[in-house]
Amino acid sequence: VQLVESGGGSVQAGGSLTLSCLASGYMYTTTFYCLGWFRQAPGKEREGVATIDSLGNTYYADSVKGRFTVSKDSANNTMYLQMNSLKPEDTAMYYCVQPRSSGSFGQRVCHSQTDFVYRGQGTQVTVSS
């Protein structure tokens, strides 16, 4: 699996950015898969941001709920993270990941975004006040 992020940049507080993750590989041949984002600011621990699974179920960290939206375009193998009302504390390197999943057939769930199988190279988001 290869994950390639794009769309990072610098924006003022209150602004918006959309991150993209082009995901390729065998996971699309499986019946269930997960894709997600985590972020890491300098000197801080990794923080899970959002996840979307192959069924379209989504999960968000409390810190971004209501401001960020994760979506996917399966036809183009791309996941998106629409980020609105950005705050300086959103400044971090954002990584696209394939989180692990577990559970029985038909009841699989995605693990935390920081428990991943594959990770992209990251894209920087900087929000100035």
C-alpha atoms as a PDB file:
ATOM      1  CA  VAL A   1       0.000   0.000   0.000  1.00  0.00           C
ATOM      2  CA  GLN A   2       1.259   3.453  -0.887  1.00  0.00           C
ATOM      3  CA  LEU A   3      -0.130   6.609   0.663  1.00  0.00           C
ATOM      4  CA  VAL A   4       0.720  10.008  -0.776  1.00  0.00           C
ATOM      5  CA  GLU A   5      -0.549  13.186   0.884  1.00  0.00           C
ATOM      6  CA  SER A   6      -0.971  16.606  -0.647  1.00  0.00           C
ATOM      7  CA  GLY A   7      -2.729  19.878   0.054  1.00  0.00           C
ATOM      8  CA  GLY A   8      -0.900  21.167   3.091  1.00  0.00           C
ATOM      9  CA  GLY A   9       0.122  24.784   3.406  1.00  0.00           C
ATOM     10  CA  SER A  10      -0.094  27.939   5.448  1.00  0.00           C
ATOM     11  CA  VAL A  11      -3.346  29.647   6.328  1.00  0.00           C
ATOM     12  CA  GLN A  12      -4.592  32.209   8.791  1.00  0.00           C
ATOM     13  CA  ALA A  13      -6.775  31.238  11.716  1.00  0.00           C
ATOM     14  CA  GLY A  14     -10.347  30.756  10.634  1.00  0.00           C
ATOM     15  CA  GLY A  15      -9.301  29.639   7.178  1.00  0.00           C
ATOM     16  CA  SER A  16      -9.713  26.319   5.419  1.00  0.00           C
ATOM     17  CA  LEU A  17      -7.548  23.690   3.789  1.00  0.00           C
ATOM     18  CA  THR A  18      -8.276  20.375   2.141  1.00  0.00           C
ATOM     19  CA  LEU A  19      -5.778  17.547   2.402  1.00  0.00           C
ATOM     20  CA  SER A  20      -5.783  14.682  -0.064  1.00  0.00           C
ATOM     21  CA  CYS A  21      -4.388  11.173   0.262  1.00  0.00           C
ATOM     22  CA  LEU A  22      -3.928   9.036  -2.817  1.00  0.00           C
ATOM     23  CA  ALA A  23      -4.050   5.461  -1.601  1.00  0.00           C
ATOM     24  CA  SER A  24      -3.031   2.590  -3.827  1.00  0.00           C
ATOM     25  CA  GLY A  25      -2.497  -1.070  -3.211  1.00  0.00           C
ATOM     26  CA  TYR A  26      -4.089  -4.348  -2.390  1.00  0.00           C
ATOM     27  CA  MET A  27      -6.337  -3.067   0.377  1.00  0.00           C
ATOM     28  CA  TYR A  28      -9.022  -2.302  -2.179  1.00  0.00           C
ATOM     29  CA  THR A  29      -9.305  -6.014  -2.859  1.00  0.00           C
ATOM     30  CA  THR A  30     -10.282  -6.690   0.722  1.00  0.00           C
ATOM     31  CA  THR A  31     -13.853  -6.508   1.980  1.00  0.00           C
ATOM     32  CA  PHE A  32     -13.036  -4.018   4.707  1.00  0.00           C
ATOM     33  CA  TYR A  33     -10.356  -1.381   5.045  1.00  0.00           C
ATOM     34  CA  CYS A  34      -9.625   1.740   7.042  1.00  0.00           C
ATOM     35  CA  LEU A  35      -8.035   5.039   6.122  1.00  0.00           C
ATOM     36  CA  GLY A  36      -7.296   7.888   8.460  1.00  0.00           C
ATOM     37  CA  TRP A  37      -5.228  10.870   9.516  1.00  0.00           C
ATOM     38  CA  PHE A  38      -3.098  11.620  12.490  1.00  0.00           C
ATOM     39  CA  ARG A  39      -1.034  14.711  13.175  1.00  0.00           C
ATOM     40  CA  GLN A  40       2.080  15.502  15.098  1.00  0.00           C
ATOM     41  CA  ALA A  41       3.359  18.888  16.157  1.00  0.00           C
ATOM     42  CA  PRO A  42       6.997  19.422  17.134  1.00  0.00           C
ATOM     43  CA  GLY A  43       7.642  18.166  20.637  1.00  0.00           C
ATOM     44  CA  LYS A  44       4.180  16.656  20.959  1.00  0.00           C
ATOM     45  CA  GLU A  45       2.813  13.159  20.716  1.00  0.00           C
ATOM     46  CA  ARG A  46       0.907  11.846  17.761  1.00  0.00           C
ATOM     47  CA  GLU A  47      -2.769  12.767  17.832  1.00  0.00           C
ATOM     48  CA  GLY A  48      -5.407  10.854  15.943  1.00  0.00           C
ATOM     49  CA  VAL A  49      -7.601  13.129  13.853  1.00  0.00           C
ATOM     50  CA  ALA A  50     -10.130  11.197  11.774  1.00  0.00           C
ATOM     51  CA  THR A  51     -10.890   7.829  10.224  1.00  0.00           C
ATOM     52  CA  ILE A  52     -13.141   6.571   7.465  1.00  0.00           C
ATOM     53  CA  ASP A  53     -13.727   2.919   6.693  1.00  0.00           C
ATOM     54  CA  SER A  54     -14.715   1.162   3.499  1.00  0.00           C
ATOM     55  CA  LEU A  55     -18.364   1.341   4.543  1.00  0.00           C
ATOM     56  CA  GLY A  56     -18.176   5.115   4.924  1.00  0.00           C
ATOM     57  CA  ASN A  57     -18.283   5.153   8.709  1.00  0.00           C
ATOM     58  CA  THR A  58     -16.336   8.062  10.142  1.00  0.00           C
ATOM     59  CA  TYR A  59     -14.695   8.907  13.429  1.00  0.00           C
ATOM     60  CA  TYR A  60     -13.318  12.244  14.645  1.00  0.00           C
ATOM     61  CA  ALA A  61     -11.223  13.369  17.549  1.00  0.00           C
ATOM     62  CA  ASP A  62     -13.076  15.725  19.875  1.00  0.00           C
ATOM     63  CA  SER A  63     -10.604  18.475  19.056  1.00  0.00           C
ATOM     64  CA  VAL A  64     -11.680  18.568  15.394  1.00  0.00           C
ATOM     65  CA  LYS A  65     -15.286  17.443  15.562  1.00  0.00           C
ATOM     66  CA  GLY A  66     -17.555  19.897  13.793  1.00  0.00           C
ATOM     67  CA  ARG A  67     -14.647  21.538  11.957  1.00  0.00           C
ATOM     68  CA  PHE A  68     -13.041  18.707   9.969  1.00  0.00           C
ATOM     69  CA  THR A  69     -14.714  16.332   7.544  1.00  0.00           C
ATOM     70  CA  VAL A  70     -13.159  13.131   6.242  1.00  0.00           C
ATOM     71  CA  SER A  71     -14.422  11.634   3.002  1.00  0.00           C
ATOM     72  CA  LYS A  72     -13.322   9.291   0.244  1.00  0.00           C
ATOM     73  CA  ASP A  73     -13.638   8.978  -3.483  1.00  0.00           C
ATOM     74  CA  SER A  74     -13.302   5.257  -4.049  1.00  0.00           C
ATOM     75  CA  ALA A  75     -13.332   5.603  -7.829  1.00  0.00           C
ATOM     76  CA  ASN A  76     -10.166   7.687  -7.612  1.00  0.00           C
ATOM     77  CA  ASN A  77      -8.613   5.911  -4.602  1.00  0.00           C
ATOM     78  CA  THR A  78      -8.461   9.196  -2.726  1.00  0.00           C
ATOM     79  CA  MET A  79      -9.315  10.226   0.802  1.00  0.00           C
ATOM     80  CA  TYR A  80      -9.855  13.848   1.766  1.00  0.00           C
ATOM     81  CA  LEU A  81      -9.717  15.854   4.962  1.00  0.00           C
ATOM     82  CA  GLN A  82     -11.639  19.099   4.699  1.00  0.00           C
ATOM     83  CA  MET A  83     -10.459  21.391   7.479  1.00  0.00           C
ATOM     84  CA  ASN A  84     -12.501  24.470   8.308  1.00  0.00           C
ATOM     85  CA  SER A  85     -12.251  27.074  11.060  1.00  0.00           C
ATOM     86  CA  LEU A  86      -8.590  26.266  11.477  1.00  0.00           C
ATOM     87  CA  LYS A  87      -6.873  27.228  14.710  1.00  0.00           C
ATOM     88  CA  PRO A  88      -3.184  27.777  15.487  1.00  0.00           C
ATOM     89  CA  GLU A  89      -3.290  24.593  17.563  1.00  0.00           C
ATOM     90  CA  ASP A  90      -4.086  22.653  14.389  1.00  0.00           C
ATOM     91  CA  THR A  91      -0.541  23.374  13.206  1.00  0.00           C
ATOM     92  CA  ALA A  92       1.212  20.042  12.689  1.00  0.00           C
ATOM     93  CA  MET A  93       2.475  17.535  10.184  1.00  0.00           C
ATOM     94  CA  TYR A  94      -0.523  15.573   8.972  1.00  0.00           C
ATOM     95  CA  TYR A  95      -0.070  11.943   8.002  1.00  0.00           C
ATOM     96  CA  CYS A  96      -2.344   9.709   5.983  1.00  0.00           C
ATOM     97  CA  VAL A  97      -2.470   6.207   7.435  1.00  0.00           C
ATOM     98  CA  GLN A  98      -4.059   2.835   7.003  1.00  0.00           C
ATOM     99  CA  PRO A  99      -5.088   1.956  10.568  1.00  0.00           C
ATOM    100  CA  ARG A 100      -5.268  -1.669  11.601  1.00  0.00           C
ATOM    101  CA  SER A 101      -8.671  -3.250  11.892  1.00  0.00           C
ATOM    102  CA  SER A 102     -10.034  -6.169  13.867  1.00  0.00           C
ATOM    103  CA  GLY A 103     -13.211  -8.081  14.534  1.00  0.00           C
ATOM    104  CA  SER A 104     -15.186 -10.830  12.895  1.00  0.00           C
ATOM    105  CA  PHE A 105     -16.548 -10.751   9.376  1.00  0.00           C
ATOM    106  CA  GLY A 106     -19.233  -8.101   9.071  1.00  0.00           C
ATOM    107  CA  GLN A 107     -18.271  -6.573  12.407  1.00  0.00           C
ATOM    108  CA  ARG A 108     -14.831  -5.216  11.751  1.00  0.00           C
ATOM    109  CA  VAL A 109     -13.769  -1.936  13.278  1.00  0.00           C
ATOM    110  CA  CYS A 110     -10.829   0.365  12.720  1.00  0.00           C
ATOM    111  CA  HIS A 111      -8.164   0.839  15.335  1.00  0.00           C
ATOM    112  CA  SER A 112      -6.802   4.205  16.407  1.00  0.00           C
ATOM    113  CA  GLN A 113      -5.140   6.255  13.698  1.00  0.00           C
ATOM    114  CA  THR A 114      -1.839   5.893  15.513  1.00  0.00           C
ATOM    115  CA  ASP A 115      -2.044   2.089  15.281  1.00  0.00           C
ATOM    116  CA  PHE A 116      -1.373   1.867  11.590  1.00  0.00           C
ATOM    117  CA  VAL A 117      -0.060  -0.548   9.014  1.00  0.00           C
ATOM    118  CA  TYR A 118       1.108   2.020   6.492  1.00  0.00           C
ATOM    119  CA  ARG A 119       1.847   5.715   6.661  1.00  0.00           C
ATOM    120  CA  GLY A 120       2.435   8.450   4.092  1.00  0.00           C
ATOM    121  CA  GLN A 121       5.270  10.927   4.138  1.00  0.00           C
ATOM    122  CA  GLY A 122       3.172  13.691   5.663  1.00  0.00           C
ATOM    123  CA  THR A 123       2.103  17.180   4.670  1.00  0.00           C
ATOM    124  CA  GLN A 124       2.640  20.287   6.778  1.00  0.00           C
ATOM    125  CA  VAL A 125      -0.248  22.453   7.918  1.00  0.00           C
ATOM    126  CA  THR A 126       0.583  25.793   9.503  1.00  0.00           C
ATOM    127  CA  VAL A 127      -2.103  28.038  10.953  1.00  0.00           C
ATOM    128  CA  SER A 128      -1.110  31.548  11.988  1.00  0.00           C
ATOM    129  CA  SER A 129      -3.010  33.710  14.428  1.00  0.00           C
END
